[in-house]
Structure formats: structure tokens, C-alpha cells
Amino acid sequence: MKKLSVLSLLIVVLASAILTGVVYAQDELIQIGVLQLVEHAALDAANSGFVAGLKDSGFEEGKNIEIDQQNAQADQANLMTISDRFVKNKVDLILAIATPAAQAVASATTEIPILVTAVTDLVGARLVESNEVPGTNVSGTTDAAPIDKQLALLMELFPETKTLGIIYNSSEVNSEIQAKQVEEEATKLGLAVEKGTITSVNDIEQVASSLSSKVDAIYAPTDNTIASAMPNLAKVTEEKKIPTICGEPGMVKAGGLMTIGIDYYKLGYQTGLMAARVLKGEAEPSTMPVESLKDVDIVLNQDTADAIGYTFPESILEKAAIVYPE
């Protein structure tokens, strides 16, 4: 009788633990692989937002999911090695953060569901057939910048601008796409364009210095190489007293002058919600339209303005969502 009572009590305790989420068998956890290209503010924010989006949808680390977080440190070999490892480990879903990471995982598997974020153009990167109907195992969110609004802000604050410089890594597909878009928009505004291309962080200061002697302002797109070393660019532009308009807010925080851009945490969060739908069996990447954020904010850097001898108009300061340093 005593043995029976103990056994009954044990059953009750275990049942209670399971119902309250205390006990989870390791092999029951959903396996998610996250491949981030490199560390910088925008990608870090997207990563955090993704995890939060999953959690708010009922998928929490250590309870019903296990997340394998990997950073490739902007190395192509690392991208391929990590992608192959995810496939070998048969993870249930992959998140790729930034275009090169997305291309790497997409080349490694056509079967595992892939969600991507911080990718400028999924069609241009050959990740999907169309944004409306991806037609592959890939979907996610785009961080395409509102370039028209960004250049309009530049011309509003610096109407004397005649020549615009664009600095970017020519080996990043997303940067090539943006550079072309910036040139098209600049031409519409009657601006001449000078391009300065880099291949690594080590090129930034030299290329920026050369570019600064030819232009009135510099545009830095959401280029992962530049974003990861934005202070290098800011050092030159501050010395040359050249205004920089950036592709995203994190680059402004790191020394750029201004932008109109999206919140990458919110972008990642939106991607997490999409991933949750896939995990719940409510949707498949092949038929899940690519999503984007509609809301954009004006973000300024007062320290950078002071360094180049510029004073923001009160009208712009009033409209700004963030003025660094906060």
C-alpha cells in the first residue's frame, strides 16, 4: 500500500511538472539554427527580435525549442561550414541574418524551412522566385531602405549638394543592389554620383578619404562590412567635414550623421512571428509572402553634427525619433 501511495504521488508530481513546463525531454525540443553573418548593431537587434517573436508565439529557449546561435564573422568559409552543420544535424528550421548568410544556407538545403531577415532583395539574391509567392524553402523579411526618403532628407538639410558619394563592398549582392538604387534616385534629383568600393574593413579609411575629396556628401548603404566598422568611416568623414547619410539607424549611432530607416529589432520580431507559423504547421515558406516594415523613423547623431560643424534645424529635431547620444 505504501509503495502504491509513493508511486501515485510520483505520477502526480511528474504530471504537474510537465503541465507547468518544468520537465522537458531534450529530444523533444525543436531545433533551430541561427546563422548571423557578422556582429553589428542592426544584425544583433534583428537576432534578438527574432528570439522575442518566437517567445511571444509560444516557442521559448529551453522549454520547447533549442537555438544554436552561430556567427560567421563575415567569413565565407565559416558560412558554408555552419550551413552544412545545420543540415547534417537535421535542424527543424534555420534563420539566416543578412544576404550572404541567407545565400549560404539556401545553397546547403532545399528541404529545411529557412527564414531570413536583414536581406535587401530576396529576388535579386536568388533566394525566392517572387516576393508574393517565394516558390522555394525560403521566406522572411526584407530590410530594403527607403532610399528616396533618405536622399530627400539629405537635400532638405544640405541643398547645396551637387555630388553624392556611395561607399560599399562590391562583393555583397545587397550592397550592389542598393548602390544602383541610390544612383538612380540621385540622378532623378540632378546629382552626380561617385562610387568608392571596398573589399574589406581595411579599405574603408583609404577609400573614404579619396571619395571625400570628390563629393559633397556620402551615402553608406546597409552594407555589412561598413556597418561592422562604421567608426572607421566616421573618422574620415568627420575629419573632412562631410555629411554621411546611412542605410539604417545602427550606423548613425556608430558615427553616421542621419538616416530615415527601420527598426531592426522589430524586423527580427516580425520574422520570429513568421517562423512560429511555420513551426505550428500553419504556413510554409514556399507560399509565405516576403514581409517588410512600413514604419520608418528619422534618426540623427548630434555628436557627429557637432564634429562636422553642422546644426540641425529645430524642425528636423522635432521630427526625429532618436537623436544620439540619447
C-alpha atoms as a PDB file:
ATOM      1  CA  MET A   1       0.000   0.000   0.000  1.00  0.00           C
ATOM      2  CA  LYS A   2       2.863   2.353   0.898  1.00  0.00           C
ATOM      3  CA  LYS A   3       4.602   1.575  -2.437  1.00  0.00           C
ATOM      4  CA  LEU A   4       1.378   2.293  -4.285  1.00  0.00           C
ATOM      5  CA  SER A   5       0.966   5.643  -2.483  1.00  0.00           C
ATOM      6  CA  VAL A   6       4.526   6.672  -3.313  1.00  0.00           C
ATOM      7  CA  LEU A   7       4.054   5.682  -6.940  1.00  0.00           C
ATOM      8  CA  SER A   8       0.785   7.606  -7.147  1.00  0.00           C
ATOM      9  CA  LEU A   9       2.424  10.673  -5.644  1.00  0.00           C
ATOM     10  CA  LEU A  10       5.315  10.461  -8.115  1.00  0.00           C
ATOM     11  CA  ILE A  11       2.910  10.268 -11.040  1.00  0.00           C
ATOM     12  CA  VAL A  12       1.039  13.336  -9.795  1.00  0.00           C
ATOM     13  CA  VAL A  13       4.275  15.302  -9.332  1.00  0.00           C
ATOM     14  CA  LEU A  14       5.577  14.410 -12.796  1.00  0.00           C
ATOM     15  CA  ALA A  15       2.274  15.227 -14.435  1.00  0.00           C
ATOM     16  CA  SER A  16       2.195  18.576 -12.652  1.00  0.00           C
ATOM     17  CA  ALA A  17       5.759  19.350 -13.717  1.00  0.00           C
ATOM     18  CA  ILE A  18       5.022  18.577 -17.343  1.00  0.00           C
ATOM     19  CA  LEU A  19       1.879  20.685 -17.349  1.00  0.00           C
ATOM     20  CA  THR A  20       3.692  23.640 -15.810  1.00  0.00           C
ATOM     21  CA  GLY A  21       6.592  23.421 -18.237  1.00  0.00           C
ATOM     22  CA  VAL A  22       9.236  22.311 -15.739  1.00  0.00           C
ATOM     23  CA  VAL A  23      10.287  18.987 -17.267  1.00  0.00           C
ATOM     24  CA  TYR A  24      11.132  18.667 -20.937  1.00  0.00           C
ATOM     25  CA  ALA A  25      12.933  15.794 -22.595  1.00  0.00           C
ATOM     26  CA  GLN A  26      15.904  17.007 -24.618  1.00  0.00           C
ATOM     27  CA  ASP A  27      14.895  15.059 -27.712  1.00  0.00           C
ATOM     28  CA  GLU A  28      11.500  16.790 -27.723  1.00  0.00           C
ATOM     29  CA  LEU A  29      12.968  20.251 -28.203  1.00  0.00           C
ATOM     30  CA  ILE A  30      12.513  21.811 -31.632  1.00  0.00           C
ATOM     31  CA  GLN A  31      15.954  22.508 -33.083  1.00  0.00           C
ATOM     32  CA  ILE A  32      16.534  25.936 -34.658  1.00  0.00           C
ATOM     33  CA  GLY A  33      19.789  27.019 -36.261  1.00  0.00           C
ATOM     34  CA  VAL A  34      20.593  30.737 -36.441  1.00  0.00           C
ATOM     35  CA  LEU A  35      23.348  31.901 -38.783  1.00  0.00           C
ATOM     36  CA  GLN A  36      24.340  35.561 -38.436  1.00  0.00           C
ATOM     37  CA  LEU A  37      26.864  36.986 -40.878  1.00  0.00           C
ATOM     38  CA  VAL A  38      28.757  39.280 -38.519  1.00  0.00           C
ATOM     39  CA  GLU A  39      28.314  41.295 -35.331  1.00  0.00           C
ATOM     40  CA  HIS A  40      26.939  44.784 -35.733  1.00  0.00           C
ATOM     41  CA  ALA A  41      24.053  46.698 -34.197  1.00  0.00           C
ATOM     42  CA  ALA A  42      21.425  46.056 -36.878  1.00  0.00           C
ATOM     43  CA  LEU A  43      22.011  42.308 -37.187  1.00  0.00           C
ATOM     44  CA  ASP A  44      22.287  41.870 -33.411  1.00  0.00           C
ATOM     45  CA  ALA A  45      18.958  43.666 -32.995  1.00  0.00           C
ATOM     46  CA  ALA A  46      17.295  41.511 -35.662  1.00  0.00           C
ATOM     47  CA  ASN A  47      18.569  38.387 -33.904  1.00  0.00           C
ATOM     48  CA  SER A  48      17.185  39.494 -30.544  1.00  0.00           C
ATOM     49  CA  GLY A  49      13.871  40.447 -32.118  1.00  0.00           C
ATOM     50  CA  PHE A  50      13.570  37.027 -33.759  1.00  0.00           C
ATOM     51  CA  VAL A  51      14.004  35.222 -30.441  1.00  0.00           C
ATOM     52  CA  ALA A  52      11.437  37.555 -28.814  1.00  0.00           C
ATOM     53  CA  GLY A  53       8.950  36.957 -31.625  1.00  0.00           C
ATOM     54  CA  LEU A  54       9.272  33.209 -31.167  1.00  0.00           C
ATOM     55  CA  LYS A  55       8.844  33.503 -27.397  1.00  0.00           C
ATOM     56  CA  ASP A  56       5.717  35.617 -27.699  1.00  0.00           C
ATOM     57  CA  SER A  57       4.342  32.965 -30.065  1.00  0.00           C
ATOM     58  CA  GLY A  58       4.879  30.176 -27.554  1.00  0.00           C
ATOM     59  CA  PHE A  59       8.364  28.982 -28.518  1.00  0.00           C
ATOM     60  CA  GLU A  60      10.862  29.561 -25.729  1.00  0.00           C
ATOM     61  CA  GLU A  61      14.520  28.582 -25.458  1.00  0.00           C
ATOM     62  CA  GLY A  62      14.983  25.613 -23.118  1.00  0.00           C
ATOM     63  CA  LYS A  63      11.287  24.850 -22.890  1.00  0.00           C
ATOM     64  CA  ASN A  64      10.185  23.690 -26.321  1.00  0.00           C
ATOM     65  CA  ILE A  65      12.969  24.933 -28.602  1.00  0.00           C
ATOM     66  CA  GLU A  66      16.747  24.836 -28.647  1.00  0.00           C
ATOM     67  CA  ILE A  67      18.524  27.580 -30.614  1.00  0.00           C
ATOM     68  CA  ASP A  68      22.013  27.027 -31.995  1.00  0.00           C
ATOM     69  CA  GLN A  69      23.364  30.571 -32.380  1.00  0.00           C
ATOM     70  CA  GLN A  70      26.275  30.848 -34.834  1.00  0.00           C
ATOM     71  CA  ASN A  71      28.188  33.897 -36.089  1.00  0.00           C
ATOM     72  CA  ALA A  72      30.295  33.540 -39.241  1.00  0.00           C
ATOM     73  CA  GLN A  73      32.429  36.627 -38.509  1.00  0.00           C
ATOM     74  CA  ALA A  74      31.945  37.692 -42.144  1.00  0.00           C
ATOM     75  CA  ASP A  75      33.909  34.687 -43.384  1.00  0.00           C
ATOM     76  CA  GLN A  76      32.580  32.802 -46.418  1.00  0.00           C
ATOM     77  CA  ALA A  77      34.163  29.523 -45.369  1.00  0.00           C
ATOM     78  CA  ASN A  78      32.502  29.813 -41.972  1.00  0.00           C
ATOM     79  CA  LEU A  79      29.155  30.473 -43.625  1.00  0.00           C
ATOM     80  CA  MET A  80      29.349  27.259 -45.625  1.00  0.00           C
ATOM     81  CA  THR A  81      30.692  25.163 -42.732  1.00  0.00           C
ATOM     82  CA  ILE A  82      27.935  26.289 -40.353  1.00  0.00           C
ATOM     83  CA  SER A  83      25.236  25.833 -43.010  1.00  0.00           C
ATOM     84  CA  ASP A  84      26.407  22.280 -43.717  1.00  0.00           C
ATOM     85  CA  ARG A  85      26.464  21.544 -39.967  1.00  0.00           C
ATOM     86  CA  PHE A  86      22.851  22.671 -39.583  1.00  0.00           C
ATOM     87  CA  VAL A  87      21.830  20.354 -42.424  1.00  0.00           C
ATOM     88  CA  LYS A  88      23.856  17.445 -41.014  1.00  0.00           C
ATOM     89  CA  ASN A  89      22.251  17.973 -37.593  1.00  0.00           C
ATOM     90  CA  LYS A  90      18.804  17.986 -39.229  1.00  0.00           C
ATOM     91  CA  VAL A  91      17.583  21.135 -37.510  1.00  0.00           C
ATOM     92  CA  ASP A  92      13.883  21.849 -37.857  1.00  0.00           C
ATOM     93  CA  LEU A  93      14.228  25.449 -39.060  1.00  0.00           C
ATOM     94  CA  ILE A  94      17.016  27.874 -39.963  1.00  0.00           C
ATOM     95  CA  LEU A  95      17.162  31.641 -39.540  1.00  0.00           C
ATOM     96  CA  ALA A  96      19.720  33.417 -41.732  1.00  0.00           C
ATOM     97  CA  ILE A  97      20.611  37.016 -40.883  1.00  0.00           C
ATOM     98  CA  ALA A  98      21.963  39.100 -43.816  1.00  0.00           C
ATOM     99  CA  THR A  99      22.178  38.260 -47.515  1.00  0.00           C
ATOM    100  CA  PRO A 100      25.444  36.252 -47.582  1.00  0.00           C
ATOM    101  CA  ALA A 101      24.202  34.091 -44.705  1.00  0.00           C
ATOM    102  CA  ALA A 102      20.882  33.543 -46.472  1.00  0.00           C
ATOM    103  CA  GLN A 103      22.610  32.540 -49.706  1.00  0.00           C
ATOM    104  CA  ALA A 104      24.846  30.100 -47.840  1.00  0.00           C
ATOM    105  CA  VAL A 105      22.036  28.219 -46.088  1.00  0.00           C
ATOM    106  CA  ALA A 106      19.855  28.253 -49.213  1.00  0.00           C
ATOM    107  CA  SER A 107      22.661  26.584 -51.151  1.00  0.00           C
ATOM    108  CA  ALA A 108      23.047  23.955 -48.424  1.00  0.00           C
ATOM    109  CA  THR A 109      19.440  22.725 -48.296  1.00  0.00           C
ATOM    110  CA  THR A 110      16.236  22.868 -50.291  1.00  0.00           C
ATOM    111  CA  GLU A 111      14.293  20.879 -47.690  1.00  0.00           C
ATOM    112  CA  ILE A 112      14.714  22.532 -44.279  1.00  0.00           C
ATOM    113  CA  PRO A 113      12.473  25.620 -43.876  1.00  0.00           C
ATOM    114  CA  ILE A 114      14.560  28.811 -43.983  1.00  0.00           C
ATOM    115  CA  LEU A 115      13.506  32.224 -42.695  1.00  0.00           C
ATOM    116  CA  VAL A 116      15.739  35.192 -43.486  1.00  0.00           C
ATOM    117  CA  THR A 117      15.952  38.748 -42.228  1.00  0.00           C
ATOM    118  CA  ALA A 118      18.089  41.824 -42.934  1.00  0.00           C
ATOM    119  CA  VAL A 119      18.115  40.882 -46.614  1.00  0.00           C
ATOM    120  CA  THR A 120      17.630  43.746 -49.045  1.00  0.00           C
ATOM    121  CA  ASP A 121      16.308  41.930 -52.113  1.00  0.00           C
ATOM    122  CA  LEU A 122      15.356  38.266 -51.849  1.00  0.00           C
ATOM    123  CA  VAL A 123      14.583  38.050 -55.569  1.00  0.00           C
ATOM    124  CA  GLY A 124      17.826  39.745 -56.593  1.00  0.00           C
ATOM    125  CA  ALA A 125      19.765  37.425 -54.286  1.00  0.00           C
ATOM    126  CA  ARG A 126      18.040  34.452 -55.983  1.00  0.00           C
ATOM    127  CA  LEU A 127      16.542  33.223 -52.746  1.00  0.00           C
ATOM    128  CA  VAL A 128      12.924  33.318 -53.921  1.00  0.00           C
ATOM    129  CA  GLU A 129      11.093  33.347 -57.236  1.00  0.00           C
ATOM    130  CA  SER A 130       8.954  36.304 -56.203  1.00  0.00           C
ATOM    131  CA  ASN A 131       8.177  38.227 -53.029  1.00  0.00           C
ATOM    132  CA  GLU A 132       4.498  37.325 -53.332  1.00  0.00           C
ATOM    133  CA  VAL A 133       4.995  33.567 -53.820  1.00  0.00           C
ATOM    134  CA  PRO A 134       8.560  32.558 -52.906  1.00  0.00           C
ATOM    135  CA  GLY A 135       8.304  29.114 -54.519  1.00  0.00           C
ATOM    136  CA  THR A 136      11.293  27.800 -52.522  1.00  0.00           C
ATOM    137  CA  ASN A 137      12.029  26.735 -48.957  1.00  0.00           C
ATOM    138  CA  VAL A 138      12.911  30.362 -48.171  1.00  0.00           C
ATOM    139  CA  SER A 139      10.873  33.354 -46.998  1.00  0.00           C
ATOM    140  CA  GLY A 140      11.306  36.112 -44.449  1.00  0.00           C
ATOM    141  CA  THR A 141      11.631  39.865 -44.149  1.00  0.00           C
ATOM    142  CA  THR A 142      13.383  42.464 -46.264  1.00  0.00           C
ATOM    143  CA  ASP A 143      15.249  45.461 -44.895  1.00  0.00           C
ATOM    144  CA  ALA A 144      15.083  47.415 -48.161  1.00  0.00           C
ATOM    145  CA  ALA A 145      15.859  51.016 -47.240  1.00  0.00           C
ATOM    146  CA  PRO A 146      13.555  53.936 -48.193  1.00  0.00           C
ATOM    147  CA  ILE A 147      16.284  55.434 -50.363  1.00  0.00           C
ATOM    148  CA  ASP A 148      14.028  58.058 -51.910  1.00  0.00           C
ATOM    149  CA  LYS A 149      13.128  59.399 -48.465  1.00  0.00           C
ATOM    150  CA  GLN A 150      16.739  59.262 -47.311  1.00  0.00           C
ATOM    151  CA  LEU A 151      18.000  61.321 -50.239  1.00  0.00           C
ATOM    152  CA  ALA A 152      15.097  63.730 -49.839  1.00  0.00           C
ATOM    153  CA  LEU A 153      16.248  64.275 -46.241  1.00  0.00           C
ATOM    154  CA  LEU A 154      19.799  64.881 -47.445  1.00  0.00           C
ATOM    155  CA  MET A 155      18.660  67.515 -49.946  1.00  0.00           C
ATOM    156  CA  GLU A 156      16.415  69.153 -47.372  1.00  0.00           C
ATOM    157  CA  LEU A 157      19.298  69.584 -44.934  1.00  0.00           C
ATOM    158  CA  PHE A 158      22.135  70.034 -47.444  1.00  0.00           C
ATOM    159  CA  PRO A 159      20.533  71.651 -50.537  1.00  0.00           C
ATOM    160  CA  GLU A 160      23.958  72.709 -51.816  1.00  0.00           C
ATOM    161  CA  THR A 161      24.896  69.067 -52.501  1.00  0.00           C
ATOM    162  CA  LYS A 162      25.943  68.541 -56.131  1.00  0.00           C
ATOM    163  CA  THR A 163      27.861  65.265 -55.993  1.00  0.00           C
ATOM    164  CA  LEU A 164      26.975  62.234 -53.872  1.00  0.00           C
ATOM    165  CA  GLY A 165      29.490  59.566 -52.968  1.00  0.00           C
ATOM    166  CA  ILE A 166      28.484  55.940 -52.360  1.00  0.00           C
ATOM    167  CA  ILE A 167      30.804  53.644 -50.410  1.00  0.00           C
ATOM    168  CA  TYR A 168      30.127  49.910 -50.317  1.00  0.00           C
ATOM    169  CA  ASN A 169      31.547  46.393 -50.559  1.00  0.00           C
ATOM    170  CA  SER A 170      31.238  45.349 -54.191  1.00  0.00           C
ATOM    171  CA  SER A 171      31.237  41.654 -53.217  1.00  0.00           C
ATOM    172  CA  GLU A 172      27.961  41.971 -51.266  1.00  0.00           C
ATOM    173  CA  VAL A 173      24.955  41.450 -53.530  1.00  0.00           C
ATOM    174  CA  ASN A 174      22.726  43.531 -51.273  1.00  0.00           C
ATOM    175  CA  SER A 175      25.176  46.437 -51.453  1.00  0.00           C
ATOM    176  CA  GLU A 176      25.435  46.300 -55.239  1.00  0.00           C
ATOM    177  CA  ILE A 177      21.644  46.442 -55.455  1.00  0.00           C
ATOM    178  CA  GLN A 178      21.457  49.411 -53.110  1.00  0.00           C
ATOM    179  CA  ALA A 179      24.265  51.281 -54.849  1.00  0.00           C
ATOM    180  CA  LYS A 180      22.379  51.001 -58.114  1.00  0.00           C
ATOM    181  CA  GLN A 181      19.157  52.203 -56.484  1.00  0.00           C
ATOM    182  CA  VAL A 182      20.918  55.136 -54.831  1.00  0.00           C
ATOM    183  CA  GLU A 183      22.479  56.151 -58.124  1.00  0.00           C
ATOM    184  CA  GLU A 184      19.084  56.049 -59.847  1.00  0.00           C
ATOM    185  CA  GLU A 185      17.439  58.171 -57.138  1.00  0.00           C
ATOM    186  CA  ALA A 186      20.360  60.601 -57.070  1.00  0.00           C
ATOM    187  CA  THR A 187      20.147  61.059 -60.829  1.00  0.00           C
ATOM    188  CA  LYS A 188      16.466  61.932 -60.513  1.00  0.00           C
ATOM    189  CA  LEU A 189      17.500  64.698 -58.119  1.00  0.00           C
ATOM    190  CA  GLY A 190      20.071  66.011 -60.571  1.00  0.00           C
ATOM    191  CA  LEU A 191      23.056  64.800 -58.538  1.00  0.00           C
ATOM    192  CA  ALA A 192      26.315  63.478 -59.921  1.00  0.00           C
ATOM    193  CA  VAL A 193      27.489  60.205 -58.349  1.00  0.00           C
ATOM    194  CA  GLU A 194      30.936  58.934 -57.395  1.00  0.00           C
ATOM    195  CA  LYS A 195      31.378  55.356 -56.175  1.00  0.00           C
ATOM    196  CA  GLY A 196      34.023  54.025 -53.834  1.00  0.00           C
ATOM    197  CA  THR A 197      34.188  50.245 -53.471  1.00  0.00           C
ATOM    198  CA  ILE A 198      35.881  48.230 -50.757  1.00  0.00           C
ATOM    199  CA  THR A 199      36.606  44.543 -50.262  1.00  0.00           C
ATOM    200  CA  SER A 200      37.328  44.541 -46.528  1.00  0.00           C
ATOM    201  CA  VAL A 201      37.246  46.698 -43.411  1.00  0.00           C
ATOM    202  CA  ASN A 202      40.877  47.589 -44.044  1.00  0.00           C
ATOM    203  CA  ASP A 203      39.911  49.528 -47.198  1.00  0.00           C
ATOM    204  CA  ILE A 204      37.354  51.821 -45.598  1.00  0.00           C
ATOM    205  CA  GLU A 205      39.519  54.741 -44.473  1.00  0.00           C
ATOM    206  CA  GLN A 206      41.555  54.927 -47.680  1.00  0.00           C
ATOM    207  CA  VAL A 207      38.532  54.712 -49.979  1.00  0.00           C
ATOM    208  CA  ALA A 208      36.519  57.151 -47.850  1.00  0.00           C
ATOM    209  CA  SER A 209      39.376  59.655 -47.860  1.00  0.00           C
ATOM    210  CA  SER A 210      39.683  59.506 -51.633  1.00  0.00           C
ATOM    211  CA  LEU A 211      35.912  59.738 -52.083  1.00  0.00           C
ATOM    212  CA  SER A 212      35.626  62.704 -49.708  1.00  0.00           C
ATOM    213  CA  SER A 213      37.798  64.840 -51.961  1.00  0.00           C
ATOM    214  CA  LYS A 214      35.320  64.444 -54.824  1.00  0.00           C
ATOM    215  CA  VAL A 215      31.885  64.692 -53.195  1.00  0.00           C
ATOM    216  CA  ASP A 216      29.666  66.866 -51.028  1.00  0.00           C
ATOM    217  CA  ALA A 217      28.063  64.016 -49.072  1.00  0.00           C
ATOM    218  CA  ILE A 218      28.469  60.254 -48.687  1.00  0.00           C
ATOM    219  CA  TYR A 219      25.800  57.558 -48.665  1.00  0.00           C
ATOM    220  CA  ALA A 220      26.598  54.348 -46.758  1.00  0.00           C
ATOM    221  CA  PRO A 221      24.059  51.595 -47.539  1.00  0.00           C
ATOM    222  CA  THR A 222      23.158  48.687 -45.268  1.00  0.00           C
ATOM    223  CA  ASP A 223      26.491  47.136 -46.167  1.00  0.00           C
ATOM    224  CA  ASN A 224      27.600  44.592 -43.574  1.00  0.00           C
ATOM    225  CA  THR A 225      31.301  45.337 -43.953  1.00  0.00           C
ATOM    226  CA  ILE A 226      30.839  49.062 -43.396  1.00  0.00           C
ATOM    227  CA  ALA A 227      28.216  48.623 -40.684  1.00  0.00           C
ATOM    228  CA  SER A 228      30.602  46.398 -38.720  1.00  0.00           C
ATOM    229  CA  ALA A 229      33.268  49.141 -38.811  1.00  0.00           C
ATOM    230  CA  MET A 230      31.260  52.348 -39.046  1.00  0.00           C
ATOM    231  CA  PRO A 231      33.654  54.261 -36.746  1.00  0.00           C
ATOM    232  CA  ASN A 232      36.337  53.829 -39.420  1.00  0.00           C
ATOM    233  CA  LEU A 233      34.176  55.688 -41.924  1.00  0.00           C
ATOM    234  CA  ALA A 234      33.064  58.275 -39.372  1.00  0.00           C
ATOM    235  CA  LYS A 235      36.684  59.074 -38.520  1.00  0.00           C
ATOM    236  CA  VAL A 236      37.336  60.157 -42.114  1.00  0.00           C
ATOM    237  CA  THR A 237      34.055  61.966 -42.757  1.00  0.00           C
ATOM    238  CA  GLU A 238      34.377  63.952 -39.537  1.00  0.00           C
ATOM    239  CA  GLU A 239      37.918  64.998 -40.459  1.00  0.00           C
ATOM    240  CA  LYS A 240      36.771  66.013 -43.945  1.00  0.00           C
ATOM    241  CA  LYS A 241      33.562  67.657 -42.645  1.00  0.00           C
ATOM    242  CA  ILE A 242      31.444  65.504 -44.979  1.00  0.00           C
ATOM    243  CA  PRO A 243      27.833  64.613 -44.047  1.00  0.00           C
ATOM    244  CA  THR A 244      27.001  60.905 -44.155  1.00  0.00           C
ATOM    245  CA  ILE A 245      23.540  59.533 -44.686  1.00  0.00           C
ATOM    246  CA  CYS A 246      23.259  55.893 -43.679  1.00  0.00           C
ATOM    247  CA  GLY A 247      21.107  52.988 -44.674  1.00  0.00           C
ATOM    248  CA  GLU A 248      19.993  52.167 -41.130  1.00  0.00           C
ATOM    249  CA  PRO A 249      19.867  53.642 -37.594  1.00  0.00           C
ATOM    250  CA  GLY A 250      22.609  51.486 -36.074  1.00  0.00           C
ATOM    251  CA  MET A 251      25.135  53.062 -38.418  1.00  0.00           C
ATOM    252  CA  VAL A 252      24.052  56.519 -37.278  1.00  0.00           C
ATOM    253  CA  LYS A 253      24.543  55.513 -33.656  1.00  0.00           C
ATOM    254  CA  ALA A 254      28.060  54.382 -34.588  1.00  0.00           C
ATOM    255  CA  GLY A 255      29.026  57.720 -36.152  1.00  0.00           C
ATOM    256  CA  GLY A 256      26.910  58.438 -39.216  1.00  0.00           C
ATOM    257  CA  LEU A 257      25.073  61.750 -39.374  1.00  0.00           C
ATOM    258  CA  MET A 258      21.498  60.747 -40.177  1.00  0.00           C
ATOM    259  CA  THR A 259      19.033  58.362 -41.737  1.00  0.00           C
ATOM    260  CA  ILE A 260      15.399  57.557 -42.253  1.00  0.00           C
ATOM    261  CA  GLY A 261      15.262  53.865 -41.524  1.00  0.00           C
ATOM    262  CA  ILE A 262      13.640  50.837 -39.986  1.00  0.00           C
ATOM    263  CA  ASP A 263      13.934  49.298 -36.529  1.00  0.00           C
ATOM    264  CA  TYR A 264      15.836  46.010 -36.949  1.00  0.00           C
ATOM    265  CA  TYR A 265      14.546  44.624 -33.664  1.00  0.00           C
ATOM    266  CA  LYS A 266      11.006  44.979 -34.999  1.00  0.00           C
ATOM    267  CA  LEU A 267      12.092  43.421 -38.302  1.00  0.00           C
ATOM    268  CA  GLY A 268      13.536  40.415 -36.497  1.00  0.00           C
ATOM    269  CA  TYR A 269      10.460  40.177 -34.292  1.00  0.00           C
ATOM    270  CA  GLN A 270       8.260  40.042 -37.386  1.00  0.00           C
ATOM    271  CA  THR A 271      10.468  37.246 -38.730  1.00  0.00           C
ATOM    272  CA  GLY A 272      10.054  35.367 -35.454  1.00  0.00           C
ATOM    273  CA  LEU A 273       6.284  35.515 -35.849  1.00  0.00           C
ATOM    274  CA  MET A 274       6.648  34.100 -39.356  1.00  0.00           C
ATOM    275  CA  ALA A 275       8.882  31.294 -38.068  1.00  0.00           C
ATOM    276  CA  ALA A 276       6.318  30.425 -35.405  1.00  0.00           C
ATOM    277  CA  ARG A 277       3.662  29.962 -38.076  1.00  0.00           C
ATOM    278  CA  VAL A 278       5.949  27.547 -39.894  1.00  0.00           C
ATOM    279  CA  LEU A 279       6.700  25.584 -36.706  1.00  0.00           C
ATOM    280  CA  LYS A 280       2.983  25.355 -35.910  1.00  0.00           C
ATOM    281  CA  GLY A 281       2.286  23.973 -39.381  1.00  0.00           C
ATOM    282  CA  GLU A 282       0.166  26.980 -40.313  1.00  0.00           C
ATOM    283  CA  ALA A 283       2.322  28.049 -43.261  1.00  0.00           C
ATOM    284  CA  GLU A 284       5.208  27.014 -45.499  1.00  0.00           C
ATOM    285  CA  PRO A 285       7.980  29.310 -46.777  1.00  0.00           C
ATOM    286  CA  SER A 286       7.166  28.467 -50.388  1.00  0.00           C
ATOM    287  CA  THR A 287       3.754  30.159 -50.152  1.00  0.00           C
ATOM    288  CA  MET A 288       4.505  32.711 -47.400  1.00  0.00           C
ATOM    289  CA  PRO A 289       4.926  36.203 -48.909  1.00  0.00           C
ATOM    290  CA  VAL A 290       8.074  38.137 -48.057  1.00  0.00           C
ATOM    291  CA  GLU A 291       7.236  40.831 -45.490  1.00  0.00           C
ATOM    292  CA  SER A 292       8.618  44.284 -44.718  1.00  0.00           C
ATOM    293  CA  LEU A 293       8.245  47.043 -42.135  1.00  0.00           C
ATOM    294  CA  LYS A 294       6.186  50.021 -43.185  1.00  0.00           C
ATOM    295  CA  ASP A 295       7.157  52.357 -40.340  1.00  0.00           C
ATOM    296  CA  VAL A 296      10.374  54.350 -40.684  1.00  0.00           C
ATOM    297  CA  ASP A 297      11.994  56.851 -38.337  1.00  0.00           C
ATOM    298  CA  ILE A 298      14.298  59.843 -38.638  1.00  0.00           C
ATOM    299  CA  VAL A 299      17.466  59.152 -36.647  1.00  0.00           C
ATOM    300  CA  LEU A 300      20.195  61.756 -36.076  1.00  0.00           C
ATOM    301  CA  ASN A 301      23.596  61.959 -34.393  1.00  0.00           C
ATOM    302  CA  GLN A 302      24.222  65.255 -32.616  1.00  0.00           C
ATOM    303  CA  ASP A 303      27.867  64.454 -31.816  1.00  0.00           C
ATOM    304  CA  THR A 304      28.590  63.853 -35.487  1.00  0.00           C
ATOM    305  CA  ALA A 305      26.830  67.074 -36.441  1.00  0.00           C
ATOM    306  CA  ASP A 306      28.998  68.967 -33.958  1.00  0.00           C
ATOM    307  CA  ALA A 307      32.125  67.294 -35.333  1.00  0.00           C
ATOM    308  CA  ILE A 308      31.443  68.465 -38.896  1.00  0.00           C
ATOM    309  CA  GLY A 309      30.225  71.877 -37.803  1.00  0.00           C
ATOM    310  CA  TYR A 310      26.561  71.399 -38.684  1.00  0.00           C
ATOM    311  CA  THR A 311      23.468  72.491 -36.750  1.00  0.00           C
ATOM    312  CA  PHE A 312      20.270  70.501 -37.216  1.00  0.00           C
ATOM    313  CA  PRO A 313      17.190  72.676 -37.795  1.00  0.00           C
ATOM    314  CA  GLU A 314      14.707  72.589 -34.926  1.00  0.00           C
ATOM    315  CA  SER A 315      12.056  71.332 -37.343  1.00  0.00           C
ATOM    316  CA  ILE A 316      14.085  68.156 -38.000  1.00  0.00           C
ATOM    317  CA  LEU A 317      14.989  67.634 -34.356  1.00  0.00           C
ATOM    318  CA  GLU A 318      11.280  67.733 -33.502  1.00  0.00           C
ATOM    319  CA  LYS A 319      10.513  65.055 -36.108  1.00  0.00           C
ATOM    320  CA  ALA A 320      13.384  62.759 -35.120  1.00  0.00           C
ATOM    321  CA  ALA A 321      12.522  59.545 -33.299  1.00  0.00           C
ATOM    322  CA  ILE A 322      16.060  59.239 -31.921  1.00  0.00           C
ATOM    323  CA  VAL A 323      18.877  61.758 -31.526  1.00  0.00           C
ATOM    324  CA  TYR A 324      22.167  60.154 -30.484  1.00  0.00           C
ATOM    325  CA  PRO A 325      23.672  60.197 -27.952  1.00  0.00           C
ATOM    326  CA  GLU A 326      20.453  59.504 -26.092  1.00  0.00           C
END
